[in-house]
Structures are given as C-alpha cells and as structure tokens.
C-alpha atoms as a PDB file:
ATOM      1  CA  ASP A   1       5.068  17.782   3.837  1.00  0.00           C
ATOM      2  CA  SER A   2       8.766  16.803   4.915  1.00  0.00           C
ATOM      3  CA  ALA A   3       7.799  14.399   7.264  1.00  0.00           C
ATOM      4  CA  VAL A   4       6.090  12.194   4.751  1.00  0.00           C
ATOM      5  CA  ALA A   5       8.121  13.034   2.088  1.00  0.00           C
ATOM      6  CA  GLY A   6      11.102  10.983   5.149  1.00  0.00           C
ATOM      7  CA  LEU A   7       8.906   8.251   5.615  1.00  0.00           C
ATOM      8  CA  MET A   8       8.323   7.655   1.898  1.00  0.00           C
ATOM      9  CA  GLU A   9      12.522   7.806   1.157  1.00  0.00           C
ATOM     10  CA  ARG A  10      13.017   5.543   3.715  1.00  0.00           C
ATOM     11  CA  GLY A  11      10.362   3.489   2.278  1.00  0.00           C
ATOM     12  CA  LEU A  12       7.983   3.136   5.966  1.00  0.00           C
ATOM     13  CA  ILE A  13       4.839   4.383   3.965  1.00  0.00           C
ATOM     14  CA  THR A  14       4.073   4.516  -0.145  1.00  0.00           C
ATOM     15  CA  GLU A  15       0.763   5.843  -1.550  1.00  0.00           C
ATOM     16  CA  ALA A  16      -2.437   4.149  -1.993  1.00  0.00           C
ATOM     17  CA  GLY A  17      -4.950   5.853  -4.049  1.00  0.00           C
ATOM     18  CA  ARG A  18      -6.810   9.227  -3.337  1.00  0.00           C
ATOM     19  CA  ASP A  19      -9.976  10.376  -0.808  1.00  0.00           C
ATOM     20  CA  ASP A  20     -13.022  10.546  -3.225  1.00  0.00           C
ATOM     21  CA  GLY A  21     -14.002  14.051  -1.067  1.00  0.00           C
ATOM     22  CA  ALA A  22     -13.096  17.384  -1.879  1.00  0.00           C
ATOM     23  CA  GLY A  23      -9.200  17.549  -2.359  1.00  0.00           C
ATOM     24  CA  GLY A  24      -8.962  14.613  -3.244  1.00  0.00           C
ATOM     25  CA  ALA A  25      -5.990  13.785  -0.615  1.00  0.00           C
ATOM     26  CA  ILE A  26      -3.113  11.346  -1.242  1.00  0.00           C
ATOM     27  CA  LYS A  27      -4.049   8.346   0.798  1.00  0.00           C
ATOM     28  CA  TYR A  28      -0.983   6.444   2.498  1.00  0.00           C
ATOM     29  CA  ARG A  29      -0.302   2.901   3.931  1.00  0.00           C
ATOM     30  CA  THR A  30       2.188   1.357   5.856  1.00  0.00           C
ATOM     31  CA  THR A  31       4.664  -0.894   4.030  1.00  0.00           C
ATOM     32  CA  ALA A  32       5.953  -4.733   5.198  1.00  0.00           C
ATOM     33  CA  MET A  33       9.247  -2.276   6.079  1.00  0.00           C
ATOM     34  CA  PHE A  34       7.394  -0.233   8.842  1.00  0.00           C
ATOM     35  CA  GLU A  35       6.786  -3.097  10.715  1.00  0.00           C
ATOM     36  CA  ARG A  36       9.795  -5.020   9.963  1.00  0.00           C
ATOM     37  CA  VAL A  37      11.838  -1.643  10.989  1.00  0.00           C
ATOM     38  CA  PHE A  38       9.259  -1.062  14.432  1.00  0.00           C
ATOM     39  CA  GLY A  39       9.310  -5.395  15.222  1.00  0.00           C
ATOM     40  CA  LEU A  40       5.620  -5.863  14.659  1.00  0.00           C
ATOM     41  CA  GLN A  41       4.080  -8.993  13.576  1.00  0.00           C
ATOM     42  CA  SER A  42       1.088  -6.935  12.444  1.00  0.00           C
ATOM     43  CA  LEU A  43      -0.354  -3.467  12.304  1.00  0.00           C
ATOM     44  CA  SER A  44      -2.723  -4.682  15.003  1.00  0.00           C
ATOM     45  CA  GLN A  45      -0.588  -4.509  17.860  1.00  0.00           C
ATOM     46  CA  LEU A  46      -0.080  -0.777  17.064  1.00  0.00           C
ATOM     47  CA  PRO A  47      -2.355   1.378  19.814  1.00  0.00           C
ATOM     48  CA  ARG A  48      -5.617   2.210  18.846  1.00  0.00           C
ATOM     49  CA  LEU A  49      -5.937   5.796  18.313  1.00  0.00           C
ATOM     50  CA  ASP A  50      -8.645   6.100  21.084  1.00  0.00           C
ATOM     51  CA  ASP A  51      -6.073   4.909  23.732  1.00  0.00           C
ATOM     52  CA  VAL A  52      -3.727   7.127  22.351  1.00  0.00           C
ATOM     53  CA  ALA A  53      -5.919   9.875  22.443  1.00  0.00           C
ATOM     54  CA  GLY A  54      -8.200  10.993  25.140  1.00  0.00           C
ATOM     55  CA  ASP A  55     -11.055  12.504  23.515  1.00  0.00           C
ATOM     56  CA  VAL A  56     -10.993  11.708  19.237  1.00  0.00           C
ATOM     57  CA  ASP A  57     -12.998  13.918  18.024  1.00  0.00           C
ATOM     58  CA  ASP A  58     -11.207  16.417  19.879  1.00  0.00           C
ATOM     59  CA  LEU A  59      -7.953  15.756  18.657  1.00  0.00           C
ATOM     60  CA  ARG A  60      -9.422  15.053  14.946  1.00  0.00           C
ATOM     61  CA  GLU A  61     -11.215  19.022  15.602  1.00  0.00           C
ATOM     62  CA  ARG A  62      -7.724  19.774  15.957  1.00  0.00           C
ATOM     63  CA  LEU A  63      -5.740  18.519  13.257  1.00  0.00           C
ATOM     64  CA  HIS A  64      -8.651  20.126  10.751  1.00  0.00           C
ATOM     65  CA  ALA A  65      -8.027  22.953  12.195  1.00  0.00           C
ATOM     66  CA  VAL A  66      -4.445  23.211  11.466  1.00  0.00           C
ATOM     67  CA  ALA A  67      -4.491  21.332   8.110  1.00  0.00           C
ATOM     68  CA  GLY A  68      -7.321  24.212   7.480  1.00  0.00           C
ATOM     69  CA  GLN A  69      -4.752  26.894   8.290  1.00  0.00           C
ATOM     70  CA  ARG A  70      -2.109  24.784   6.105  1.00  0.00           C
ATOM     71  CA  THR A  71      -4.174  25.669   3.650  1.00  0.00           C
ATOM     72  CA  ALA A  72      -5.640  28.542   3.868  1.00  0.00           C
END
C-alpha cells in the first residue's frame, strides 16, 4: 500500500511482526520519529478511536468490507 510505504520511507512507522490470524497480516507500530514529527510526548496524547468514530463497530465493519474488496 502506498500510504504505508510512504510512512515507512519517512521513518514514521516500522514493521512489528505478523498477525496470528488467517493471512498473517503485517502489524505496524509508530516510531519515536512519529512522536517528534507530530509534537507528541507519548502516543497516549492521540485521540482514542472511540472519540473520533461515531460507531466503532460500524467503522470496523466498513474497514473490513473495504479490505475484503481489495483482496478479492
């Protein structure tokens, strides 16, 4: 994915292993550079998903649907 590649090229995220589930999706984590670039003391300063998405379950379902379309 080009967005992920761009974040990796800039040193903002790095690979953090693979998911144990089907497909073994790559997991990513943010880096210290991410925190510096966005002026964060820690990741706890970021908003929680619950605070930015009205219905988390609905958002999760929509994201899974989009992911399913991309792999089909």
